[in-house]
């Protein structure tokens, strides 16, 4: 099977491989047909405009060379992006940045994009839930004060 130079580069020397100890979000996705499993770790920060961005991203992948290459590429593509921009990264974008994947390996780019989207959505949901709890606590505190 032929791969592009970029695929081989990202397979041999993956970028951002590893874990983040204090990750703000972790997602795990897999493909039961081929057995590939990807875990993505996100650290969220803010840019100069105050927008939330992916400050750091790491991955662990158990799978073929294409799975490792797409994981590496998606981390490069996502780092420094706003959460909204990261959610717009598609499987086609990943494949395009790698200068092509064989048709039988296209599912790997799906996994990489899916892992990124799942991690961002999970972060946003957890943040929304935390904000909701803070609001509820604040309302309860105000009601207690009024009763006194």
N, C-alpha and C. Protein backbone atom coordinates (compact mmCIF):
# COMPACT_ATOMS: atom_id res chain seq x y z
N UNK A 1 0.85 -1.17 0.00
CA UNK A 1 0.00 0.00 0.00
C UNK A 1 0.90 1.24 0.00
N UNK A 2 0.57 2.20 -0.86
CA UNK A 2 1.37 3.42 -0.95
C UNK A 2 0.79 4.51 -0.06
N UNK A 3 1.70 5.21 0.61
CA UNK A 3 1.32 6.33 1.46
C UNK A 3 2.10 7.58 1.01
N UNK A 4 1.56 8.74 1.30
CA UNK A 4 2.26 9.98 0.98
C UNK A 4 3.44 10.15 1.94
N UNK A 5 4.35 11.05 1.57
CA UNK A 5 5.51 11.33 2.44
C UNK A 5 5.06 11.86 3.80
N UNK A 6 4.01 12.67 3.80
CA UNK A 6 3.51 13.23 5.07
C UNK A 6 2.97 12.14 5.99
N UNK A 7 2.25 11.18 5.42
CA UNK A 7 1.73 10.08 6.24
C UNK A 7 2.89 9.32 6.87
N UNK A 8 3.88 9.02 6.08
CA UNK A 8 5.04 8.28 6.59
C UNK A 8 5.78 9.09 7.66
N UNK A 9 5.93 10.40 7.43
CA UNK A 9 6.59 11.28 8.41
C UNK A 9 5.83 11.27 9.74
N UNK A 10 4.51 11.44 9.68
CA UNK A 10 3.71 11.49 10.91
C UNK A 10 3.63 10.13 11.59
N UNK A 11 3.78 9.05 10.83
CA UNK A 11 3.80 7.71 11.43
C UNK A 11 5.14 7.47 12.13
N UNK A 12 6.22 7.79 11.44
CA UNK A 12 7.56 7.53 12.00
C UNK A 12 7.92 8.45 13.16
N UNK A 13 7.50 9.73 13.06
CA UNK A 13 7.80 10.70 14.11
C UNK A 13 6.52 11.46 14.45
N UNK A 14 5.62 10.80 15.16
CA UNK A 14 4.33 11.44 15.48
C UNK A 14 4.51 12.70 16.32
N UNK A 15 3.72 13.71 15.99
CA UNK A 15 3.73 14.96 16.75
C UNK A 15 2.70 14.85 17.88
N UNK A 16 3.02 15.41 19.02
CA UNK A 16 2.07 15.52 20.14
C UNK A 16 1.61 14.17 20.69
N UNK A 17 2.46 13.17 20.60
CA UNK A 17 2.09 11.86 21.13
C UNK A 17 2.34 11.84 22.63
N UNK A 18 1.42 11.26 23.38
CA UNK A 18 1.56 11.16 24.82
C UNK A 18 0.27 11.54 25.53
N UNK A 19 0.40 11.87 26.81
CA UNK A 19 -0.77 12.23 27.61
C UNK A 19 -0.59 13.61 28.22
N UNK A 20 -1.69 14.17 28.70
CA UNK A 20 -1.66 15.42 29.46
C UNK A 20 -2.20 15.09 30.85
N UNK A 21 -1.40 15.33 31.88
CA UNK A 21 -1.81 14.97 33.24
C UNK A 21 -3.06 15.70 33.71
N UNK A 22 -3.16 16.97 33.44
CA UNK A 22 -4.32 17.74 33.90
C UNK A 22 -5.14 18.20 32.69
N UNK A 23 -5.56 17.24 31.89
CA UNK A 23 -6.34 17.55 30.69
C UNK A 23 -7.71 18.08 31.08
N UNK A 24 -8.20 19.03 30.30
CA UNK A 24 -9.54 19.57 30.52
C UNK A 24 -10.60 18.68 29.89
N UNK A 25 -10.19 17.86 28.92
CA UNK A 25 -11.12 16.92 28.29
C UNK A 25 -10.33 15.76 27.69
N UNK A 26 -10.91 14.58 27.79
CA UNK A 26 -10.31 13.38 27.21
C UNK A 26 -11.41 12.65 26.46
N UNK A 27 -11.11 12.25 25.23
CA UNK A 27 -12.07 11.45 24.47
C UNK A 27 -11.39 10.18 24.00
N UNK A 28 -12.16 9.14 23.89
CA UNK A 28 -11.67 7.86 23.36
C UNK A 28 -12.65 7.40 22.30
N UNK A 29 -12.14 7.12 21.12
CA UNK A 29 -12.97 6.60 20.03
C UNK A 29 -12.29 5.37 19.44
N UNK A 30 -13.10 4.52 18.86
CA UNK A 30 -12.53 3.32 18.26
C UNK A 30 -13.35 2.83 17.10
N UNK A 31 -12.75 1.96 16.33
CA UNK A 31 -13.41 1.33 15.19
C UNK A 31 -13.38 -0.18 15.42
N UNK A 32 -14.53 -0.78 15.73
CA UNK A 32 -14.54 -2.21 16.02
C UNK A 32 -14.16 -3.09 14.82
N UNK A 33 -14.30 -2.56 13.61
CA UNK A 33 -13.98 -3.35 12.41
C UNK A 33 -12.47 -3.55 12.28
N UNK A 34 -11.70 -2.46 12.44
CA UNK A 34 -10.24 -2.57 12.25
C UNK A 34 -9.48 -2.66 13.58
N UNK A 35 -10.14 -2.29 14.67
CA UNK A 35 -9.50 -2.38 15.99
C UNK A 35 -8.72 -1.15 16.41
N UNK A 36 -8.71 -0.09 15.59
CA UNK A 36 -8.00 1.13 15.97
C UNK A 36 -8.69 1.82 17.14
N UNK A 37 -7.89 2.33 18.09
CA UNK A 37 -8.42 3.07 19.23
C UNK A 37 -7.58 4.33 19.38
N UNK A 38 -8.26 5.47 19.52
CA UNK A 38 -7.58 6.76 19.72
C UNK A 38 -8.07 7.41 20.99
N UNK A 39 -7.13 7.97 21.73
CA UNK A 39 -7.49 8.76 22.91
C UNK A 39 -6.85 10.14 22.72
N UNK A 40 -7.66 11.17 22.86
CA UNK A 40 -7.21 12.54 22.66
C UNK A 40 -7.36 13.32 23.97
N UNK A 41 -6.34 14.09 24.32
CA UNK A 41 -6.31 14.90 25.54
C UNK A 41 -6.24 16.37 25.15
N UNK A 42 -7.11 17.20 25.72
CA UNK A 42 -7.11 18.63 25.43
C UNK A 42 -6.84 19.44 26.69
N UNK A 43 -6.03 20.48 26.52
CA UNK A 43 -5.83 21.50 27.54
C UNK A 43 -6.33 22.80 26.93
N UNK A 44 -7.29 23.41 27.59
CA UNK A 44 -7.94 24.61 27.06
C UNK A 44 -7.37 25.85 27.75
N UNK A 45 -7.14 26.89 26.95
CA UNK A 45 -6.66 28.17 27.46
C UNK A 45 -7.44 29.28 26.78
N UNK A 46 -6.94 30.48 26.89
CA UNK A 46 -7.59 31.62 26.23
C UNK A 46 -6.58 32.37 25.38
N UNK A 47 -7.05 32.89 24.24
CA UNK A 47 -6.19 33.72 23.40
C UNK A 47 -6.28 35.17 23.85
N UNK A 48 -5.61 36.06 23.14
CA UNK A 48 -5.60 37.48 23.51
C UNK A 48 -6.98 38.11 23.45
N UNK A 49 -7.87 37.54 22.65
CA UNK A 49 -9.24 38.06 22.53
C UNK A 49 -10.15 37.52 23.64
N UNK A 50 -9.62 36.61 24.46
CA UNK A 50 -10.42 36.02 25.53
C UNK A 50 -11.21 34.80 25.08
N UNK A 51 -10.98 34.34 23.85
CA UNK A 51 -11.68 33.16 23.34
C UNK A 51 -10.98 31.90 23.82
N UNK A 52 -11.76 30.87 24.09
CA UNK A 52 -11.17 29.61 24.49
C UNK A 52 -10.51 28.95 23.28
N UNK A 53 -9.28 28.50 23.51
CA UNK A 53 -8.53 27.84 22.45
C UNK A 53 -7.96 26.51 22.97
N UNK A 54 -7.56 25.69 22.03
CA UNK A 54 -6.87 24.45 22.39
C UNK A 54 -5.41 24.83 22.59
N UNK A 55 -5.04 24.93 23.85
CA UNK A 55 -3.69 25.35 24.23
C UNK A 55 -2.70 24.22 23.99
N UNK A 56 -3.12 23.03 24.32
CA UNK A 56 -2.26 21.86 24.13
C UNK A 56 -3.14 20.66 23.82
N UNK A 57 -2.60 19.74 23.05
CA UNK A 57 -3.34 18.53 22.68
C UNK A 57 -2.34 17.40 22.50
N UNK A 58 -2.70 16.25 23.03
CA UNK A 58 -1.86 15.05 22.92
C UNK A 58 -2.75 13.88 22.54
N UNK A 59 -2.12 12.82 22.06
CA UNK A 59 -2.89 11.63 21.69
C UNK A 59 -2.14 10.35 22.04
N UNK A 60 -2.92 9.31 22.21
CA UNK A 60 -2.42 7.93 22.28
C UNK A 60 -3.25 7.14 21.30
N UNK A 61 -2.60 6.40 20.43
CA UNK A 61 -3.33 5.62 19.44
C UNK A 61 -2.77 4.21 19.38
N UNK A 62 -3.67 3.27 19.39
CA UNK A 62 -3.33 1.87 19.16
C UNK A 62 -3.94 1.53 17.81
N UNK A 63 -3.09 1.39 16.81
CA UNK A 63 -3.62 1.12 15.48
C UNK A 63 -2.53 1.11 14.42
N UNK A 64 -2.97 1.14 13.19
CA UNK A 64 -2.07 1.07 12.04
C UNK A 64 -1.34 2.40 11.84
N UNK A 65 -0.43 2.42 10.88
CA UNK A 65 0.33 3.62 10.56
C UNK A 65 -0.55 4.80 10.19
N UNK A 66 -1.60 4.54 9.43
CA UNK A 66 -2.51 5.61 9.02
C UNK A 66 -3.25 6.18 10.23
N UNK A 67 -3.61 5.34 11.18
CA UNK A 67 -4.30 5.80 12.39
C UNK A 67 -3.37 6.70 13.21
N UNK A 68 -2.12 6.32 13.32
CA UNK A 68 -1.15 7.13 14.06
C UNK A 68 -0.90 8.45 13.34
N UNK A 69 -0.75 8.38 12.02
CA UNK A 69 -0.50 9.59 11.22
C UNK A 69 -1.67 10.57 11.30
N UNK A 70 -2.90 10.07 11.22
CA UNK A 70 -4.05 10.97 11.28
C UNK A 70 -4.20 11.56 12.68
N UNK A 71 -3.89 10.80 13.70
CA UNK A 71 -3.93 11.32 15.08
C UNK A 71 -2.92 12.45 15.24
N UNK A 72 -1.72 12.22 14.74
CA UNK A 72 -0.67 13.23 14.80
C UNK A 72 -1.08 14.48 14.04
N UNK A 73 -1.62 14.31 12.85
CA UNK A 73 -2.00 15.45 12.03
C UNK A 73 -3.14 16.25 12.66
N UNK A 74 -4.14 15.57 13.19
CA UNK A 74 -5.28 16.30 13.77
C UNK A 74 -4.83 17.12 14.98
N UNK A 75 -3.83 16.64 15.72
CA UNK A 75 -3.34 17.44 16.84
C UNK A 75 -2.63 18.69 16.34
N UNK A 76 -1.85 18.57 15.27
CA UNK A 76 -1.20 19.74 14.67
C UNK A 76 -2.24 20.75 14.19
N UNK A 77 -3.28 20.24 13.57
CA UNK A 77 -4.32 21.11 13.02
C UNK A 77 -5.12 21.83 14.11
N UNK A 78 -5.32 21.17 15.24
CA UNK A 78 -6.18 21.71 16.30
C UNK A 78 -5.46 22.67 17.25
N UNK A 79 -4.18 22.46 17.45
CA UNK A 79 -3.43 23.26 18.43
C UNK A 79 -3.50 24.74 18.07
N UNK A 80 -3.92 25.55 19.05
CA UNK A 80 -4.00 26.99 18.86
C UNK A 80 -5.32 27.47 18.27
N UNK A 81 -6.17 26.55 17.86
CA UNK A 81 -7.46 26.91 17.26
C UNK A 81 -8.48 27.19 18.37
N UNK A 82 -9.48 28.03 18.04
CA UNK A 82 -10.60 28.21 18.96
C UNK A 82 -11.39 26.91 18.94
N UNK A 83 -12.24 26.73 19.93
CA UNK A 83 -13.05 25.52 19.99
C UNK A 83 -13.97 25.44 18.77
N UNK A 84 -14.50 26.58 18.37
CA UNK A 84 -15.39 26.64 17.20
C UNK A 84 -14.63 26.23 15.94
N UNK A 85 -13.40 26.72 15.79
CA UNK A 85 -12.59 26.34 14.63
C UNK A 85 -12.26 24.85 14.65
N UNK A 86 -11.95 24.33 15.83
CA UNK A 86 -11.60 22.91 15.96
C UNK A 86 -12.77 22.02 15.54
N UNK A 87 -13.99 22.45 15.89
CA UNK A 87 -15.17 21.65 15.52
C UNK A 87 -15.41 21.64 14.01
N UNK A 88 -14.78 22.56 13.30
CA UNK A 88 -14.95 22.62 11.84
C UNK A 88 -13.92 21.77 11.10
N UNK A 89 -12.96 21.18 11.80
CA UNK A 89 -11.96 20.31 11.16
C UNK A 89 -12.65 19.01 10.79
N UNK A 90 -12.60 18.67 9.52
CA UNK A 90 -13.29 17.47 9.02
C UNK A 90 -12.31 16.37 8.66
N UNK A 91 -12.86 15.20 8.45
CA UNK A 91 -12.03 14.07 8.01
C UNK A 91 -11.36 14.39 6.68
N UNK A 92 -12.06 15.11 5.81
CA UNK A 92 -11.46 15.50 4.52
C UNK A 92 -10.29 16.44 4.73
N UNK A 93 -10.41 17.35 5.71
CA UNK A 93 -9.31 18.26 6.02
C UNK A 93 -8.08 17.48 6.47
N UNK A 94 -8.29 16.48 7.32
CA UNK A 94 -7.18 15.67 7.83
C UNK A 94 -6.50 14.93 6.67
N UNK A 95 -7.31 14.29 5.83
CA UNK A 95 -6.78 13.56 4.67
C UNK A 95 -6.02 14.50 3.74
N UNK A 96 -6.59 15.65 3.49
CA UNK A 96 -5.98 16.64 2.61
C UNK A 96 -4.62 17.11 3.15
N UNK A 97 -4.56 17.39 4.46
CA UNK A 97 -3.31 17.83 5.07
C UNK A 97 -2.22 16.76 4.99
N UNK A 98 -2.65 15.50 4.94
CA UNK A 98 -1.68 14.40 4.84
C UNK A 98 -1.34 14.08 3.38
N UNK A 99 -1.85 14.87 2.47
CA UNK A 99 -1.61 14.66 1.03
C UNK A 99 -2.12 13.31 0.53
N UNK A 100 -3.23 12.83 1.10
CA UNK A 100 -3.91 11.64 0.60
C UNK A 100 -3.74 10.44 1.51
N UNK A 101 -4.81 9.68 1.60
CA UNK A 101 -4.80 8.36 2.25
C UNK A 101 -5.44 7.37 1.30
N UNK A 102 -4.97 6.14 1.29
CA UNK A 102 -5.63 5.13 0.44
C UNK A 102 -7.09 4.97 0.87
N UNK A 103 -7.98 4.69 -0.07
CA UNK A 103 -9.41 4.55 0.27
C UNK A 103 -9.70 3.61 1.43
N UNK A 104 -8.95 2.52 1.54
CA UNK A 104 -9.21 1.56 2.62
C UNK A 104 -8.75 2.08 3.98
N UNK A 105 -8.06 3.23 4.00
CA UNK A 105 -7.59 3.82 5.25
C UNK A 105 -8.31 5.14 5.58
N UNK A 106 -9.31 5.50 4.79
CA UNK A 106 -10.05 6.74 5.03
C UNK A 106 -10.72 6.76 6.40
N UNK A 107 -11.12 5.60 6.89
CA UNK A 107 -11.79 5.54 8.19
C UNK A 107 -10.90 6.07 9.31
N UNK A 108 -9.58 6.03 9.12
CA UNK A 108 -8.66 6.53 10.14
C UNK A 108 -8.83 8.04 10.33
N UNK A 109 -9.03 8.75 9.21
CA UNK A 109 -9.22 10.20 9.33
C UNK A 109 -10.55 10.50 10.00
N UNK A 110 -11.54 9.61 9.81
CA UNK A 110 -12.82 9.76 10.52
C UNK A 110 -12.59 9.68 12.02
N UNK A 111 -11.81 8.70 12.45
CA UNK A 111 -11.54 8.52 13.88
C UNK A 111 -10.85 9.74 14.47
N UNK A 112 -9.86 10.26 13.76
CA UNK A 112 -9.11 11.41 14.27
C UNK A 112 -10.03 12.62 14.43
N UNK A 113 -10.82 12.92 13.41
CA UNK A 113 -11.75 14.06 13.49
C UNK A 113 -12.81 13.81 14.55
N UNK A 114 -13.31 12.58 14.63
CA UNK A 114 -14.31 12.23 15.63
C UNK A 114 -13.77 12.40 17.06
N UNK A 115 -12.52 11.98 17.27
CA UNK A 115 -11.92 12.10 18.60
C UNK A 115 -11.80 13.57 19.00
N UNK A 116 -11.40 14.41 18.05
CA UNK A 116 -11.29 15.84 18.32
C UNK A 116 -12.65 16.44 18.64
N UNK A 117 -13.64 16.15 17.81
CA UNK A 117 -14.98 16.71 18.02
C UNK A 117 -15.57 16.24 19.35
N UNK A 118 -15.37 14.96 19.66
CA UNK A 118 -15.90 14.42 20.91
C UNK A 118 -15.25 15.10 22.12
N UNK A 119 -13.95 15.32 22.06
CA UNK A 119 -13.25 15.96 23.18
C UNK A 119 -13.72 17.40 23.38
N UNK A 120 -13.89 18.14 22.28
CA UNK A 120 -14.35 19.53 22.38
C UNK A 120 -15.78 19.57 22.91
N UNK A 121 -16.65 18.74 22.36
CA UNK A 121 -18.05 18.72 22.80
C UNK A 121 -18.17 18.30 24.26
N UNK A 122 -17.35 17.36 24.66
CA UNK A 122 -17.36 16.90 26.06
C UNK A 122 -16.93 18.05 26.98
N UNK A 123 -15.89 18.78 26.58
CA UNK A 123 -15.44 19.93 27.37
C UNK A 123 -16.56 20.97 27.48
N UNK A 124 -17.18 21.29 26.36
CA UNK A 124 -18.24 22.31 26.37
C UNK A 124 -19.43 21.88 27.23
N UNK A 125 -19.78 20.58 27.17
CA UNK A 125 -20.89 20.08 27.98
C UNK A 125 -20.54 20.15 29.46
N UNK A 126 -19.33 19.72 29.82
CA UNK A 126 -18.92 19.75 31.23
C UNK A 126 -18.85 21.19 31.75
N UNK A 127 -18.40 22.11 30.90
CA UNK A 127 -18.34 23.52 31.28
C UNK A 127 -19.75 24.07 31.50
N UNK A 128 -20.66 23.72 30.60
CA UNK A 128 -22.05 24.16 30.71
C UNK A 128 -22.68 23.61 31.99
N UNK A 129 -22.42 22.33 32.29
CA UNK A 129 -22.95 21.72 33.50
C UNK A 129 -22.40 22.40 34.76
N UNK A 130 -21.11 22.74 34.75
CA UNK A 130 -20.50 23.44 35.89
C UNK A 130 -21.13 24.82 36.07
N UNK A 131 -21.30 25.52 34.95
CA UNK A 131 -21.91 26.85 35.01
C UNK A 131 -23.34 26.77 35.54
N UNK A 132 -24.05 25.73 35.14
CA UNK A 132 -25.43 25.53 35.59
C UNK A 132 -25.45 25.30 37.11
N UNK A 133 -24.52 24.49 37.61
CA UNK A 133 -24.45 24.22 39.04
C UNK A 133 -24.12 25.49 39.82
N UNK A 134 -23.20 26.30 39.28
CA UNK A 134 -22.84 27.55 39.94
C UNK A 134 -24.05 28.48 40.01
N UNK A 135 -24.80 28.54 38.92
CA UNK A 135 -25.99 29.38 38.87
C UNK A 135 -27.02 28.90 39.88
N UNK A 136 -27.22 27.58 39.95
CA UNK A 136 -28.18 27.02 40.91
C UNK A 136 -27.76 27.32 42.34
N UNK A 137 -26.48 27.17 42.65
CA UNK A 137 -25.98 27.46 43.99
C UNK A 137 -26.16 28.93 44.32
N UNK A 138 -25.89 29.78 43.34
CA UNK A 138 -26.03 31.22 43.53
C UNK A 138 -27.48 31.59 43.82
N UNK A 139 -28.41 31.01 43.09
CA UNK A 139 -29.84 31.27 43.29
C UNK A 139 -30.26 30.78 44.67
N UNK A 140 -29.81 29.59 45.07
CA UNK A 140 -30.15 29.04 46.39
C UNK A 140 -29.61 29.94 47.49
N UNK A 141 -28.36 30.43 47.32
CA UNK A 141 -27.76 31.32 48.32
C UNK A 141 -28.55 32.60 48.46
N UNK A 142 -28.98 33.16 47.34
CA UNK A 142 -29.76 34.41 47.37
C UNK A 142 -31.11 34.18 48.06
N UNK A 143 -31.73 33.01 47.85
CA UNK A 143 -33.00 32.70 48.50
C UNK A 143 -32.80 32.58 49.99
N UNK A 144 -31.71 31.99 50.45
CA UNK A 144 -31.42 31.86 51.88
C UNK A 144 -31.24 33.21 52.52
N UNK A 145 -30.54 34.09 51.82
CA UNK A 145 -30.31 35.44 52.34
C UNK A 145 -31.62 36.19 52.49
N UNK A 146 -32.51 36.07 51.51
CA UNK A 146 -33.80 36.76 51.55
C UNK A 146 -34.67 36.24 52.70
N UNK A 147 -34.59 34.94 53.00
CA UNK A 147 -35.39 34.36 54.08
C UNK A 147 -34.99 34.90 55.44
N UNK A 148 -33.73 35.22 55.60
CA UNK A 148 -33.21 35.70 56.90
C UNK A 148 -33.72 37.07 57.11
